[in-house]
Amino acid sequence: MDDTDRRLIALLRQDARMSVATLAAKLGVSRGTVTNRLRKLEDEQVIVGYTVRLKPDAEPTHIRAWMGVLVEGNQTRAVTASLLGEPGVEALHDTNGRWDLLAELRAESMGELSKVLERIRLIKGIANTETNILLATFR
């Protein structure tokens, strides 16, 4: 990846729906160059998808939570694989500090969140968890 690729990715992070023509103009390159670079970045799986970001209160019925996960011994890979298979886990992060992993959880209701937490607690290799419900997002 060179500077043009990094600038292209930065522009797409701001607005993934920006047209190829607009991207080319902002980068000072041809549309063909942008198209080729996008294809290359997708083929190399640097870019793995495009998505929509919603403001946090756009879905007021959804419950979001953060879960810190402490893994027993050297079972991080197995626990990670299990958590990635859990539909209630929206994203999973490897971290340092008190928790080995940080999971972003999403549920339609408190009852559904309770079921997600139950399933996660049954995963072999998890020593401890702590869940915090997201009340508000400011930025």
C-alpha atoms as a PDB file:
ATOM      1  CA  MET A   1       0.000   0.000   0.000  1.00  0.00           C
ATOM      2  CA  ASP A   2       1.291   3.393  -0.914  1.00  0.00           C
ATOM      3  CA  ASP A   3       0.217   6.921   0.018  1.00  0.00           C
ATOM      4  CA  THR A   4      -2.477   7.022  -2.689  1.00  0.00           C
ATOM      5  CA  ASP A   5      -4.038   3.815  -1.347  1.00  0.00           C
ATOM      6  CA  ARG A   6      -4.006   5.224   2.188  1.00  0.00           C
ATOM      7  CA  ARG A   7      -5.612   8.472   1.004  1.00  0.00           C
ATOM      8  CA  LEU A   8      -8.219   6.468  -0.947  1.00  0.00           C
ATOM      9  CA  ILE A   9      -9.081   4.440   2.150  1.00  0.00           C
ATOM     10  CA  ALA A  10      -9.297   7.620   4.253  1.00  0.00           C
ATOM     11  CA  LEU A  11     -11.773   9.115   1.766  1.00  0.00           C
ATOM     12  CA  LEU A  12     -13.862   5.931   1.797  1.00  0.00           C
ATOM     13  CA  ARG A  13     -13.912   5.975   5.605  1.00  0.00           C
ATOM     14  CA  GLN A  14     -15.451   9.443   5.418  1.00  0.00           C
ATOM     15  CA  ASP A  15     -18.016   8.398   2.795  1.00  0.00           C
ATOM     16  CA  ALA A  16     -18.012   4.878   1.342  1.00  0.00           C
ATOM     17  CA  ARG A  17     -20.635   5.954  -1.206  1.00  0.00           C
ATOM     18  CA  MET A  18     -18.348   8.536  -2.811  1.00  0.00           C
ATOM     19  CA  SER A  19     -18.320   8.023  -6.571  1.00  0.00           C
ATOM     20  CA  VAL A  20     -15.219   6.862  -8.431  1.00  0.00           C
ATOM     21  CA  ALA A  21     -15.190  10.188 -10.307  1.00  0.00           C
ATOM     22  CA  THR A  22     -15.227  12.162  -7.036  1.00  0.00           C
ATOM     23  CA  LEU A  23     -12.538   9.938  -5.513  1.00  0.00           C
ATOM     24  CA  ALA A  24     -10.379  10.415  -8.625  1.00  0.00           C
ATOM     25  CA  ALA A  25     -10.788  14.199  -8.507  1.00  0.00           C
ATOM     26  CA  LYS A  26      -9.905  14.378  -4.807  1.00  0.00           C
ATOM     27  CA  LEU A  27      -6.875  12.128  -5.288  1.00  0.00           C
ATOM     28  CA  GLY A  28      -5.732  13.812  -8.516  1.00  0.00           C
ATOM     29  CA  VAL A  29      -5.708  10.527 -10.462  1.00  0.00           C
ATOM     30  CA  SER A  30      -7.819   9.012 -13.241  1.00  0.00           C
ATOM     31  CA  ARG A  31     -11.053   7.100 -12.637  1.00  0.00           C
ATOM     32  CA  GLY A  32      -9.355   4.008 -14.062  1.00  0.00           C
ATOM     33  CA  THR A  33      -6.615   4.307 -11.456  1.00  0.00           C
ATOM     34  CA  VAL A  34      -9.200   4.505  -8.659  1.00  0.00           C
ATOM     35  CA  THR A  35     -11.126   1.530 -10.066  1.00  0.00           C
ATOM     36  CA  ASN A  36      -7.952  -0.552 -10.388  1.00  0.00           C
ATOM     37  CA  ARG A  37      -6.789   0.347  -6.879  1.00  0.00           C
ATOM     38  CA  LEU A  38     -10.193  -0.456  -5.386  1.00  0.00           C
ATOM     39  CA  ARG A  39     -10.254  -3.823  -7.152  1.00  0.00           C
ATOM     40  CA  LYS A  40      -6.704  -4.574  -5.945  1.00  0.00           C
ATOM     41  CA  LEU A  41      -7.508  -3.580  -2.352  1.00  0.00           C
ATOM     42  CA  GLU A  42     -10.643  -5.749  -2.440  1.00  0.00           C
ATOM     43  CA  ASP A  43      -8.808  -8.706  -4.047  1.00  0.00           C
ATOM     44  CA  GLU A  44      -6.096  -8.498  -1.360  1.00  0.00           C
ATOM     45  CA  GLN A  45      -8.839  -8.237   1.277  1.00  0.00           C
ATOM     46  CA  VAL A  46      -7.546  -4.939   2.585  1.00  0.00           C
ATOM     47  CA  ILE A  47     -11.084  -3.703   1.926  1.00  0.00           C
ATOM     48  CA  VAL A  48     -13.442  -6.474   3.003  1.00  0.00           C
ATOM     49  CA  GLY A  49     -16.750  -4.664   2.690  1.00  0.00           C
ATOM     50  CA  TYR A  50     -18.701  -1.451   2.709  1.00  0.00           C
ATOM     51  CA  THR A  51     -21.247  -0.655   5.362  1.00  0.00           C
ATOM     52  CA  VAL A  52     -23.639   1.896   6.758  1.00  0.00           C
ATOM     53  CA  ARG A  53     -22.975   3.642  10.063  1.00  0.00           C
ATOM     54  CA  LEU A  54     -26.028   4.737  11.993  1.00  0.00           C
ATOM     55  CA  LYS A  55     -26.132   7.294  14.731  1.00  0.00           C
ATOM     56  CA  PRO A  56     -26.329   5.470  18.065  1.00  0.00           C
ATOM     57  CA  ASP A  57     -29.943   6.414  18.794  1.00  0.00           C
ATOM     58  CA  ALA A  58     -31.217   5.541  15.297  1.00  0.00           C
ATOM     59  CA  GLU A  59     -32.288   2.127  16.579  1.00  0.00           C
ATOM     60  CA  PRO A  60     -33.710   2.926  20.018  1.00  0.00           C
ATOM     61  CA  THR A  61     -35.086  -0.573  20.521  1.00  0.00           C
ATOM     62  CA  HIS A  62     -31.672  -2.225  20.249  1.00  0.00           C
ATOM     63  CA  ILE A  63     -29.660  -2.872  23.360  1.00  0.00           C
ATOM     64  CA  ARG A  64     -25.901  -2.591  23.027  1.00  0.00           C
ATOM     65  CA  ALA A  65     -23.358  -3.720  25.578  1.00  0.00           C
ATOM     66  CA  TRP A  66     -19.638  -4.229  26.030  1.00  0.00           C
ATOM     67  CA  MET A  67     -18.349  -7.440  27.529  1.00  0.00           C
ATOM     68  CA  GLY A  68     -14.849  -7.887  28.897  1.00  0.00           C
ATOM     69  CA  VAL A  69     -13.749 -11.531  28.619  1.00  0.00           C
ATOM     70  CA  LEU A  70     -10.987 -13.191  30.650  1.00  0.00           C
ATOM     71  CA  VAL A  71      -9.707 -16.332  28.928  1.00  0.00           C
ATOM     72  CA  GLU A  72      -8.357 -19.364  30.783  1.00  0.00           C
ATOM     73  CA  GLY A  73      -4.781 -20.285  29.929  1.00  0.00           C
ATOM     74  CA  ASN A  74      -3.955 -20.505  26.241  1.00  0.00           C
ATOM     75  CA  GLN A  75      -7.511 -20.974  24.965  1.00  0.00           C
ATOM     76  CA  THR A  76      -7.801 -17.582  23.271  1.00  0.00           C
ATOM     77  CA  ARG A  77      -8.116 -19.008  19.751  1.00  0.00           C
ATOM     78  CA  ALA A  78     -10.890 -21.422  20.699  1.00  0.00           C
ATOM     79  CA  VAL A  79     -12.761 -18.780  22.695  1.00  0.00           C
ATOM     80  CA  THR A  80     -12.373 -16.249  19.863  1.00  0.00           C
ATOM     81  CA  ALA A  81     -13.755 -18.761  17.343  1.00  0.00           C
ATOM     82  CA  SER A  82     -16.735 -19.493  19.594  1.00  0.00           C
ATOM     83  CA  LEU A  83     -17.475 -15.811  20.191  1.00  0.00           C
ATOM     84  CA  LEU A  84     -17.269 -15.026  16.469  1.00  0.00           C
ATOM     85  CA  GLY A  85     -19.924 -17.708  15.948  1.00  0.00           C
ATOM     86  CA  GLU A  86     -22.270 -16.095  18.463  1.00  0.00           C
ATOM     87  CA  PRO A  87     -24.942 -14.027  16.654  1.00  0.00           C
ATOM     88  CA  GLY A  88     -25.184 -11.558  19.547  1.00  0.00           C
ATOM     89  CA  VAL A  89     -21.518 -10.568  19.164  1.00  0.00           C
ATOM     90  CA  GLU A  90     -21.351  -7.657  16.741  1.00  0.00           C
ATOM     91  CA  ALA A  91     -17.566  -7.204  16.963  1.00  0.00           C
ATOM     92  CA  LEU A  92     -14.714  -8.748  18.903  1.00  0.00           C
ATOM     93  CA  HIS A  93     -11.456  -7.058  19.885  1.00  0.00           C
ATOM     94  CA  ASP A  94      -8.176  -8.410  21.226  1.00  0.00           C
ATOM     95  CA  THR A  95      -6.961  -6.070  23.937  1.00  0.00           C
ATOM     96  CA  ASN A  96      -4.512  -5.692  26.792  1.00  0.00           C
ATOM     97  CA  GLY A  97      -5.165  -4.838  30.393  1.00  0.00           C
ATOM     98  CA  ARG A  98      -7.713  -6.454  32.648  1.00  0.00           C
ATOM     99  CA  TRP A  99      -9.580  -8.309  29.866  1.00  0.00           C
ATOM    100  CA  ASP A 100      -8.178 -10.518  27.113  1.00  0.00           C
ATOM    101  CA  LEU A 101     -11.041  -9.792  24.723  1.00  0.00           C
ATOM    102  CA  LEU A 102     -13.658  -7.077  24.414  1.00  0.00           C
ATOM    103  CA  ALA A 103     -16.932  -8.052  22.756  1.00  0.00           C
ATOM    104  CA  GLU A 104     -19.504  -5.617  21.410  1.00  0.00           C
ATOM    105  CA  LEU A 105     -22.927  -7.136  21.989  1.00  0.00           C
ATOM    106  CA  ARG A 106     -26.250  -6.288  20.365  1.00  0.00           C
ATOM    107  CA  ALA A 107     -29.727  -7.549  21.253  1.00  0.00           C
ATOM    108  CA  GLU A 108     -33.348  -6.671  20.488  1.00  0.00           C
ATOM    109  CA  SER A 109     -34.441  -6.843  24.127  1.00  0.00           C
ATOM    110  CA  MET A 110     -33.182  -7.430  27.649  1.00  0.00           C
ATOM    111  CA  GLY A 111     -34.487 -10.991  27.398  1.00  0.00           C
ATOM    112  CA  GLU A 112     -32.470 -11.589  24.248  1.00  0.00           C
ATOM    113  CA  LEU A 113     -29.383 -10.026  25.859  1.00  0.00           C
ATOM    114  CA  SER A 114     -29.820 -12.383  28.801  1.00  0.00           C
ATOM    115  CA  LYS A 115     -29.829 -15.357  26.411  1.00  0.00           C
ATOM    116  CA  VAL A 116     -26.696 -14.073  24.661  1.00  0.00           C
ATOM    117  CA  LEU A 117     -24.957 -13.742  28.025  1.00  0.00           C
ATOM    118  CA  GLU A 118     -26.036 -17.269  28.994  1.00  0.00           C
ATOM    119  CA  ARG A 119     -24.642 -18.738  25.773  1.00  0.00           C
ATOM    120  CA  ILE A 120     -21.359 -16.865  26.188  1.00  0.00           C
ATOM    121  CA  ARG A 121     -20.965 -18.003  29.804  1.00  0.00           C
ATOM    122  CA  LEU A 122     -21.192 -21.629  28.607  1.00  0.00           C
ATOM    123  CA  ILE A 123     -18.207 -21.269  26.259  1.00  0.00           C
ATOM    124  CA  LYS A 124     -15.365 -23.482  27.421  1.00  0.00           C
ATOM    125  CA  GLY A 125     -12.226 -21.496  28.169  1.00  0.00           C
ATOM    126  CA  ILE A 126     -13.865 -18.360  29.522  1.00  0.00           C
ATOM    127  CA  ALA A 127     -12.755 -17.721  33.102  1.00  0.00           C
ATOM    128  CA  ASN A 128     -14.725 -14.535  33.779  1.00  0.00           C
ATOM    129  CA  THR A 129     -16.762 -11.818  32.073  1.00  0.00           C
ATOM    130  CA  GLU A 130     -18.049  -8.376  32.897  1.00  0.00           C
ATOM    131  CA  THR A 131     -20.834  -6.765  30.895  1.00  0.00           C
ATOM    132  CA  ASN A 132     -21.701  -3.078  30.720  1.00  0.00           C
ATOM    133  CA  ILE A 133     -24.845  -1.889  28.963  1.00  0.00           C
ATOM    134  CA  LEU A 134     -24.295   1.090  26.703  1.00  0.00           C
ATOM    135  CA  LEU A 135     -26.557   3.917  27.868  1.00  0.00           C
ATOM    136  CA  ALA A 136     -25.497   6.777  25.603  1.00  0.00           C
ATOM    137  CA  THR A 137     -22.886   7.592  22.978  1.00  0.00           C
ATOM    138  CA  PHE A 138     -21.576  11.118  22.709  1.00  0.00           C
ATOM    139  CA  ARG A 139     -19.422  10.858  19.628  1.00  0.00           C
END
